[in-house]
């Protein structure tokens, strides 16, 4: 697991940056309901724009901490736990709006990777 955990930390962080910065206002197969942007997706879930900004800030913070955690290992479990918790919330929102299971695959994958990182870092 010497290289697997840091690799997973980078994959998680890159995925979050991709969704929350690079593709924030772009359409995606994985968006909830019939949303085309992140703002529309949170509206589909019945969540406010303010809450969306909070979730985004938390996800980007945990992503950054996962990268820093490659060198400062004491940060890794907290970042992985935070990310896993947020992914449970993402999965719950997909269930709430009745999305097909395939739309939950990215959240489920990031959850699983976060759990692996957490388990190997404590």
Foldseek 3Di string as FASTA:
>chain_A
DLPLLLVLLQVQLVVLCCQLPVCQQAADPLAADPDGHLCVSCVLLVHHPVVSVVLSVLSNVLSVLSNVCNVVVVSLLVSLVSLLVSLVVVLVSNVVNVHDVVSSVVSVVSNVSSVVSNVVRD
